[in-house]
Amino acid sequence: MSARDAILKRLRERADGPLAVPECDFAVVTNRGWSQAERLERFERWITSVHGEVIHTPRADWTRRLAEVLAAKGVQRLALGREHPVAAEARKALADAEVELVDADRDIEGWQSEQFERVDAGLTSTRGAIAETGSLWLWPTPDEPRLISLVPPLHIAVLDAETVEDTFFDVVEAHGWAGGMPTNALLVSGPSKTADIEQTLAYGVHGPRELVVLVRHAGERP
């Protein structure tokens, strides 16, 4: 019998009976009851407080706003996927633009130097956002690998307004994380930041210096 099995055996044979699963009260991390407008306001307030930039746009017009952001930021090479509707729409809209579209669905070993040295921005979709902390949440895929949101100096994330939820707990519950998660689930709460021993906060040291969130609305902004 292994040491692990011996320990588990002793726990099961305790004199006062087997250990029971404790009752947990998760009320403190859920049940905020915010409206969609309140969720959006809280999300924007928190993510802009750490230098994130939020741009609201009608869903039908979001690629035009994307092109404006690329022009304003001087982006010449944009890394993005192919299969996700966000990437597909962006590719179609930017086909004649003066921006080189860089395929992100490649083995990292084949374009590591290019990604770290020559890509100006990465474009990703998002699964949603968290109002309480001002965070985006992403599930990277081979089509949209995590490095396109972590390496380029500028990360542009596309968020649908109706996917903002109250708390992280609500996201985990609503989307069944307990039943299966990807190897990497990313929470993005602004540009890259770090602090030294004196607690001086610096941005863009180990990742994107800028984060732009394009919030798409089904109609006019509420």
C-alpha atoms as a PDB file:
ATOM      1  CA  MET A   1       0.000   0.000   0.000  1.00  0.00           C
ATOM      2  CA  SER A   2       1.383   3.415  -0.944  1.00  0.00           C
ATOM      3  CA  ALA A   3       1.707   6.230   1.562  1.00  0.00           C
ATOM      4  CA  ARG A   4      -1.119   8.052  -0.204  1.00  0.00           C
ATOM      5  CA  ASP A   5      -3.441   5.035   0.033  1.00  0.00           C
ATOM      6  CA  ALA A   6      -2.550   4.578   3.701  1.00  0.00           C
ATOM      7  CA  ILE A   7      -3.432   8.182   4.509  1.00  0.00           C
ATOM      8  CA  LEU A   8      -6.745   7.960   2.627  1.00  0.00           C
ATOM      9  CA  LYS A   9      -7.551   4.673   4.398  1.00  0.00           C
ATOM     10  CA  ARG A  10      -7.018   6.263   7.808  1.00  0.00           C
ATOM     11  CA  LEU A  11      -9.231   9.201   6.837  1.00  0.00           C
ATOM     12  CA  ARG A  12     -12.038   6.880   5.704  1.00  0.00           C
ATOM     13  CA  GLU A  13     -11.808   4.823   8.912  1.00  0.00           C
ATOM     14  CA  ARG A  14     -11.857   7.732  11.338  1.00  0.00           C
ATOM     15  CA  ALA A  15     -13.453   6.901  14.687  1.00  0.00           C
ATOM     16  CA  ASP A  16     -16.027   9.664  14.319  1.00  0.00           C
ATOM     17  CA  GLY A  17     -17.071   8.589  10.821  1.00  0.00           C
ATOM     18  CA  PRO A  18     -16.077   9.584   7.297  1.00  0.00           C
ATOM     19  CA  LEU A  19     -15.393  13.200   6.414  1.00  0.00           C
ATOM     20  CA  ALA A  20     -18.407  14.991   4.960  1.00  0.00           C
ATOM     21  CA  VAL A  21     -18.293  17.599   2.242  1.00  0.00           C
ATOM     22  CA  PRO A  22     -18.744  20.974   3.985  1.00  0.00           C
ATOM     23  CA  GLU A  23     -21.662  23.165   3.034  1.00  0.00           C
ATOM     24  CA  CYS A  24     -20.544  26.224   1.116  1.00  0.00           C
ATOM     25  CA  ASP A  25     -22.299  29.570   0.860  1.00  0.00           C
ATOM     26  CA  PHE A  26     -21.306  31.367  -2.327  1.00  0.00           C
ATOM     27  CA  ALA A  27     -23.713  34.282  -1.824  1.00  0.00           C
ATOM     28  CA  VAL A  28     -20.825  36.684  -1.256  1.00  0.00           C
ATOM     29  CA  VAL A  29     -19.529  36.183  -4.829  1.00  0.00           C
ATOM     30  CA  THR A  30     -22.796  36.260  -6.768  1.00  0.00           C
ATOM     31  CA  ASN A  31     -26.329  37.718  -6.831  1.00  0.00           C
ATOM     32  CA  ARG A  32     -25.306  41.299  -7.603  1.00  0.00           C
ATOM     33  CA  GLY A  33     -28.506  41.932  -9.543  1.00  0.00           C
ATOM     34  CA  TRP A  34     -27.017  44.549 -11.876  1.00  0.00           C
ATOM     35  CA  SER A  35     -28.756  45.497 -15.101  1.00  0.00           C
ATOM     36  CA  GLN A  36     -26.935  45.239 -18.431  1.00  0.00           C
ATOM     37  CA  ALA A  37     -26.325  48.989 -18.409  1.00  0.00           C
ATOM     38  CA  GLU A  38     -24.876  48.783 -14.878  1.00  0.00           C
ATOM     39  CA  ARG A  39     -22.644  45.861 -15.840  1.00  0.00           C
ATOM     40  CA  LEU A  40     -21.261  47.748 -18.832  1.00  0.00           C
ATOM     41  CA  GLU A  41     -20.685  50.883 -16.768  1.00  0.00           C
ATOM     42  CA  ARG A  42     -18.824  48.948 -14.059  1.00  0.00           C
ATOM     43  CA  PHE A  43     -16.759  46.979 -16.551  1.00  0.00           C
ATOM     44  CA  GLU A  44     -15.706  50.149 -18.374  1.00  0.00           C
ATOM     45  CA  ARG A  45     -14.959  52.041 -15.172  1.00  0.00           C
ATOM     46  CA  TRP A  46     -12.645  49.346 -13.843  1.00  0.00           C
ATOM     47  CA  ILE A  47     -10.803  48.482 -17.048  1.00  0.00           C
ATOM     48  CA  THR A  48     -10.179  52.140 -17.948  1.00  0.00           C
ATOM     49  CA  SER A  49      -8.901  52.786 -14.421  1.00  0.00           C
ATOM     50  CA  VAL A  50      -5.878  50.605 -15.326  1.00  0.00           C
ATOM     51  CA  HIS A  51      -5.256  52.225 -18.727  1.00  0.00           C
ATOM     52  CA  GLY A  52      -7.539  50.038 -20.833  1.00  0.00           C
ATOM     53  CA  GLU A  53      -9.340  51.857 -23.657  1.00  0.00           C
ATOM     54  CA  VAL A  54     -13.007  51.132 -24.424  1.00  0.00           C
ATOM     55  CA  ILE A  55     -14.681  52.019 -27.715  1.00  0.00           C
ATOM     56  CA  HIS A  56     -18.413  51.436 -28.170  1.00  0.00           C
ATOM     57  CA  THR A  57     -19.698  50.617 -31.629  1.00  0.00           C
ATOM     58  CA  PRO A  58     -22.824  49.222 -33.296  1.00  0.00           C
ATOM     59  CA  ARG A  59     -22.191  45.600 -34.252  1.00  0.00           C
ATOM     60  CA  ALA A  60     -22.847  46.369 -37.921  1.00  0.00           C
ATOM     61  CA  ASP A  61     -20.123  49.035 -37.939  1.00  0.00           C
ATOM     62  CA  TRP A  62     -17.422  47.525 -35.761  1.00  0.00           C
ATOM     63  CA  THR A  63     -14.912  46.799 -38.533  1.00  0.00           C
ATOM     64  CA  ARG A  64     -14.878  50.471 -39.515  1.00  0.00           C
ATOM     65  CA  ARG A  65     -14.000  51.375 -35.937  1.00  0.00           C
ATOM     66  CA  LEU A  66     -11.331  48.683 -35.987  1.00  0.00           C
ATOM     67  CA  ALA A  67      -9.783  50.252 -39.087  1.00  0.00           C
ATOM     68  CA  GLU A  68      -9.821  53.646 -37.356  1.00  0.00           C
ATOM     69  CA  VAL A  69      -8.017  52.197 -34.326  1.00  0.00           C
ATOM     70  CA  LEU A  70      -5.371  50.569 -36.519  1.00  0.00           C
ATOM     71  CA  ALA A  71      -4.773  53.838 -38.363  1.00  0.00           C
ATOM     72  CA  ALA A  72      -4.648  55.895 -35.161  1.00  0.00           C
ATOM     73  CA  LYS A  73      -2.191  53.493 -33.511  1.00  0.00           C
ATOM     74  CA  GLY A  74       0.006  53.215 -36.603  1.00  0.00           C
ATOM     75  CA  VAL A  75      -0.472  49.455 -36.873  1.00  0.00           C
ATOM     76  CA  GLN A  76       1.186  47.998 -39.967  1.00  0.00           C
ATOM     77  CA  ARG A  77       1.122  44.277 -39.117  1.00  0.00           C
ATOM     78  CA  LEU A  78      -1.902  42.721 -37.374  1.00  0.00           C
ATOM     79  CA  ALA A  79      -1.930  39.125 -36.113  1.00  0.00           C
ATOM     80  CA  LEU A  80      -5.313  37.396 -36.129  1.00  0.00           C
ATOM     81  CA  GLY A  81      -7.019  34.064 -36.662  1.00  0.00           C
ATOM     82  CA  ARG A  82      -9.055  32.829 -39.609  1.00  0.00           C
ATOM     83  CA  GLU A  83     -12.005  30.732 -38.427  1.00  0.00           C
ATOM     84  CA  HIS A  84     -13.688  32.792 -35.706  1.00  0.00           C
ATOM     85  CA  PRO A  85     -16.340  35.189 -37.094  1.00  0.00           C
ATOM     86  CA  VAL A  86     -14.482  38.144 -35.565  1.00  0.00           C
ATOM     87  CA  ALA A  87     -11.306  37.272 -37.458  1.00  0.00           C
ATOM     88  CA  ALA A  88     -13.184  36.421 -40.653  1.00  0.00           C
ATOM     89  CA  GLU A  89     -15.081  39.733 -40.641  1.00  0.00           C
ATOM     90  CA  ALA A  90     -11.911  41.675 -39.894  1.00  0.00           C
ATOM     91  CA  ARG A  91     -10.023  39.990 -42.745  1.00  0.00           C
ATOM     92  CA  LYS A  92     -12.792  40.806 -45.205  1.00  0.00           C
ATOM     93  CA  ALA A  93     -13.025  44.433 -44.093  1.00  0.00           C
ATOM     94  CA  LEU A  94      -9.252  44.978 -44.113  1.00  0.00           C
ATOM     95  CA  ALA A  95      -8.528  43.191 -47.389  1.00  0.00           C
ATOM     96  CA  ASP A  96      -7.750  46.451 -49.182  1.00  0.00           C
ATOM     97  CA  ALA A  97      -6.349  48.345 -46.195  1.00  0.00           C
ATOM     98  CA  GLU A  98      -2.696  49.252 -45.776  1.00  0.00           C
ATOM     99  CA  VAL A  99      -2.311  46.714 -42.988  1.00  0.00           C
ATOM    100  CA  GLU A 100      -0.538  43.377 -43.384  1.00  0.00           C
ATOM    101  CA  LEU A 101      -2.647  40.557 -41.944  1.00  0.00           C
ATOM    102  CA  VAL A 102      -0.454  38.010 -40.188  1.00  0.00           C
ATOM    103  CA  ASP A 103      -1.759  34.453 -39.806  1.00  0.00           C
ATOM    104  CA  ALA A 104      -1.801  33.419 -36.149  1.00  0.00           C
ATOM    105  CA  ASP A 105      -2.816  29.771 -36.662  1.00  0.00           C
ATOM    106  CA  ARG A 106       0.771  28.552 -36.992  1.00  0.00           C
ATOM    107  CA  ASP A 107       3.106  26.560 -34.800  1.00  0.00           C
ATOM    108  CA  ILE A 108       4.857  29.030 -32.506  1.00  0.00           C
ATOM    109  CA  GLU A 109       8.275  27.597 -33.338  1.00  0.00           C
ATOM    110  CA  GLY A 110       7.768  28.590 -36.955  1.00  0.00           C
ATOM    111  CA  TRP A 111       7.109  32.278 -36.331  1.00  0.00           C
ATOM    112  CA  GLN A 112       8.319  33.045 -32.830  1.00  0.00           C
ATOM    113  CA  SER A 113      10.839  35.714 -33.866  1.00  0.00           C
ATOM    114  CA  GLU A 114       8.321  37.313 -36.222  1.00  0.00           C
ATOM    115  CA  GLN A 115       5.662  37.453 -33.532  1.00  0.00           C
ATOM    116  CA  PHE A 116       7.941  38.980 -30.903  1.00  0.00           C
ATOM    117  CA  GLU A 117       9.771  41.403 -33.165  1.00  0.00           C
ATOM    118  CA  ARG A 118       7.580  42.429 -36.096  1.00  0.00           C
ATOM    119  CA  VAL A 119       3.888  42.185 -35.150  1.00  0.00           C
ATOM    120  CA  ASP A 120       2.362  45.503 -34.056  1.00  0.00           C
ATOM    121  CA  ALA A 121      -0.975  44.256 -32.720  1.00  0.00           C
ATOM    122  CA  GLY A 122      -3.050  41.166 -32.056  1.00  0.00           C
ATOM    123  CA  LEU A 123      -6.803  40.936 -32.597  1.00  0.00           C
ATOM    124  CA  THR A 124      -8.904  38.466 -30.598  1.00  0.00           C
ATOM    125  CA  SER A 125     -12.501  37.658 -29.866  1.00  0.00           C
ATOM    126  CA  THR A 126     -13.638  37.289 -26.262  1.00  0.00           C
ATOM    127  CA  ARG A 127     -16.072  34.946 -24.554  1.00  0.00           C
ATOM    128  CA  GLY A 128     -17.338  37.703 -22.294  1.00  0.00           C
ATOM    129  CA  ALA A 129     -16.383  40.055 -19.479  1.00  0.00           C
ATOM    130  CA  ILE A 130     -16.760  40.486 -15.721  1.00  0.00           C
ATOM    131  CA  ALA A 131     -18.324  43.700 -14.418  1.00  0.00           C
ATOM    132  CA  GLU A 132     -17.079  43.384 -10.846  1.00  0.00           C
ATOM    133  CA  THR A 133     -13.385  43.348 -11.776  1.00  0.00           C
ATOM    134  CA  GLY A 134     -13.325  44.914 -15.237  1.00  0.00           C
ATOM    135  CA  SER A 135     -11.927  41.754 -16.793  1.00  0.00           C
ATOM    136  CA  LEU A 136     -12.251  40.085 -20.179  1.00  0.00           C
ATOM    137  CA  TRP A 137     -12.215  36.309 -20.375  1.00  0.00           C
ATOM    138  CA  LEU A 138     -10.790  34.436 -23.338  1.00  0.00           C
ATOM    139  CA  TRP A 139     -10.486  30.763 -24.253  1.00  0.00           C
ATOM    140  CA  PRO A 140      -7.529  30.502 -26.642  1.00  0.00           C
ATOM    141  CA  THR A 141      -7.782  28.064 -29.549  1.00  0.00           C
ATOM    142  CA  PRO A 142      -5.367  26.947 -32.281  1.00  0.00           C
ATOM    143  CA  ASP A 143      -7.060  29.570 -34.470  1.00  0.00           C
ATOM    144  CA  GLU A 144      -6.594  32.291 -31.822  1.00  0.00           C
ATOM    145  CA  PRO A 145      -3.593  31.200 -29.722  1.00  0.00           C
ATOM    146  CA  ARG A 146      -3.039  32.939 -26.422  1.00  0.00           C
ATOM    147  CA  LEU A 147       0.201  34.609 -27.517  1.00  0.00           C
ATOM    148  CA  ILE A 148      -1.553  37.011 -29.893  1.00  0.00           C
ATOM    149  CA  SER A 149      -3.135  38.607 -26.816  1.00  0.00           C
ATOM    150  CA  LEU A 150       0.003  38.411 -24.658  1.00  0.00           C
ATOM    151  CA  VAL A 151       2.927  39.338 -26.931  1.00  0.00           C
ATOM    152  CA  PRO A 152       2.198  42.205 -29.405  1.00  0.00           C
ATOM    153  CA  PRO A 153       2.482  45.763 -28.059  1.00  0.00           C
ATOM    154  CA  LEU A 154      -1.236  46.317 -28.704  1.00  0.00           C
ATOM    155  CA  HIS A 155      -4.058  43.898 -27.935  1.00  0.00           C
ATOM    156  CA  ILE A 156      -7.412  44.651 -29.579  1.00  0.00           C
ATOM    157  CA  ALA A 157     -10.262  42.626 -28.069  1.00  0.00           C
ATOM    158  CA  VAL A 158     -13.793  42.447 -29.458  1.00  0.00           C
ATOM    159  CA  LEU A 159     -16.509  42.154 -26.807  1.00  0.00           C
ATOM    160  CA  ASP A 160     -20.265  41.769 -27.314  1.00  0.00           C
ATOM    161  CA  ALA A 161     -22.090  44.000 -24.832  1.00  0.00           C
ATOM    162  CA  GLU A 162     -24.596  41.328 -23.807  1.00  0.00           C
ATOM    163  CA  THR A 163     -21.848  38.923 -22.691  1.00  0.00           C
ATOM    164  CA  VAL A 164     -20.786  41.024 -19.688  1.00  0.00           C
ATOM    165  CA  GLU A 165     -21.703  39.191 -16.475  1.00  0.00           C
ATOM    166  CA  ASP A 166     -21.674  40.302 -12.859  1.00  0.00           C
ATOM    167  CA  THR A 167     -18.906  38.262 -11.212  1.00  0.00           C
ATOM    168  CA  PHE A 168     -16.293  35.625 -11.959  1.00  0.00           C
ATOM    169  CA  PHE A 169     -18.420  33.100 -10.064  1.00  0.00           C
ATOM    170  CA  ASP A 170     -21.347  33.843 -12.379  1.00  0.00           C
ATOM    171  CA  VAL A 171     -19.137  33.170 -15.422  1.00  0.00           C
ATOM    172  CA  VAL A 172     -17.920  29.847 -13.994  1.00  0.00           C
ATOM    173  CA  GLU A 173     -21.456  28.748 -13.148  1.00  0.00           C
ATOM    174  CA  ALA A 174     -23.201  29.968 -16.312  1.00  0.00           C
ATOM    175  CA  HIS A 175     -20.668  28.421 -18.668  1.00  0.00           C
ATOM    176  CA  GLY A 176     -20.143  25.118 -16.870  1.00  0.00           C
ATOM    177  CA  TRP A 177     -16.430  25.460 -16.154  1.00  0.00           C
ATOM    178  CA  ALA A 178     -16.668  22.649 -13.602  1.00  0.00           C
ATOM    179  CA  GLY A 179     -17.581  20.263 -16.415  1.00  0.00           C
ATOM    180  CA  GLY A 180     -14.632  21.129 -18.619  1.00  0.00           C
ATOM    181  CA  MET A 181     -12.117  23.901 -19.108  1.00  0.00           C
ATOM    182  CA  PRO A 182      -9.526  24.594 -21.764  1.00  0.00           C
ATOM    183  CA  THR A 183      -5.857  24.251 -20.884  1.00  0.00           C
ATOM    184  CA  ASN A 184      -5.657  28.024 -20.853  1.00  0.00           C
ATOM    185  CA  ALA A 185      -8.425  30.355 -19.755  1.00  0.00           C
ATOM    186  CA  LEU A 186      -7.237  33.968 -19.846  1.00  0.00           C
ATOM    187  CA  LEU A 187      -8.496  36.802 -17.679  1.00  0.00           C
ATOM    188  CA  VAL A 188      -7.416  40.172 -19.076  1.00  0.00           C
ATOM    189  CA  SER A 189      -7.814  43.211 -16.834  1.00  0.00           C
ATOM    190  CA  GLY A 190      -5.939  45.892 -18.752  1.00  0.00           C
ATOM    191  CA  PRO A 191      -2.516  46.231 -20.388  1.00  0.00           C
ATOM    192  CA  SER A 192       0.456  44.355 -18.981  1.00  0.00           C
ATOM    193  CA  LYS A 193       1.554  45.764 -15.627  1.00  0.00           C
ATOM    194  CA  THR A 194       4.001  45.012 -12.867  1.00  0.00           C
ATOM    195  CA  ALA A 195       5.282  46.661  -9.686  1.00  0.00           C
ATOM    196  CA  ASP A 196       8.762  46.930  -8.189  1.00  0.00           C
ATOM    197  CA  ILE A 197       9.703  46.493  -4.542  1.00  0.00           C
ATOM    198  CA  GLU A 198       8.554  50.049  -3.840  1.00  0.00           C
ATOM    199  CA  GLN A 199       5.138  49.195  -5.323  1.00  0.00           C
ATOM    200  CA  THR A 200       5.529  51.585  -8.231  1.00  0.00           C
ATOM    201  CA  LEU A 201       3.206  50.318 -10.976  1.00  0.00           C
ATOM    202  CA  ALA A 202       4.632  50.153 -14.504  1.00  0.00           C
ATOM    203  CA  TYR A 203       2.682  49.268 -17.655  1.00  0.00           C
ATOM    204  CA  GLY A 204       3.758  47.286 -20.704  1.00  0.00           C
ATOM    205  CA  VAL A 205       6.854  45.683 -19.222  1.00  0.00           C
ATOM    206  CA  HIS A 206       6.076  42.024 -19.904  1.00  0.00           C
ATOM    207  CA  GLY A 207       3.343  42.177 -22.544  1.00  0.00           C
ATOM    208  CA  PRO A 208       0.960  44.544 -24.351  1.00  0.00           C
ATOM    209  CA  ARG A 209       1.509  48.205 -23.579  1.00  0.00           C
ATOM    210  CA  GLU A 210      -2.026  48.981 -24.732  1.00  0.00           C
ATOM    211  CA  LEU A 211      -5.401  47.282 -24.593  1.00  0.00           C
ATOM    212  CA  VAL A 212      -8.306  48.463 -26.749  1.00  0.00           C
ATOM    213  CA  VAL A 213     -11.726  46.861 -26.201  1.00  0.00           C
ATOM    214  CA  LEU A 214     -14.253  47.261 -29.018  1.00  0.00           C
ATOM    215  CA  VAL A 215     -17.639  46.811 -27.328  1.00  0.00           C
ATOM    216  CA  ARG A 216     -20.206  45.789 -29.945  1.00  0.00           C
ATOM    217  CA  HIS A 217     -23.861  46.670 -29.372  1.00  0.00           C
ATOM    218  CA  ALA A 218     -26.805  45.095 -31.189  1.00  0.00           C
ATOM    219  CA  GLY A 219     -28.289  48.571 -31.612  1.00  0.00           C
ATOM    220  CA  GLU A 220     -27.457  51.978 -30.257  1.00  0.00           C
ATOM    221  CA  ARG A 221     -25.543  52.083 -27.005  1.00  0.00           C
ATOM    222  CA  PRO A 222     -27.963  51.817 -24.063  1.00  0.00           C
END
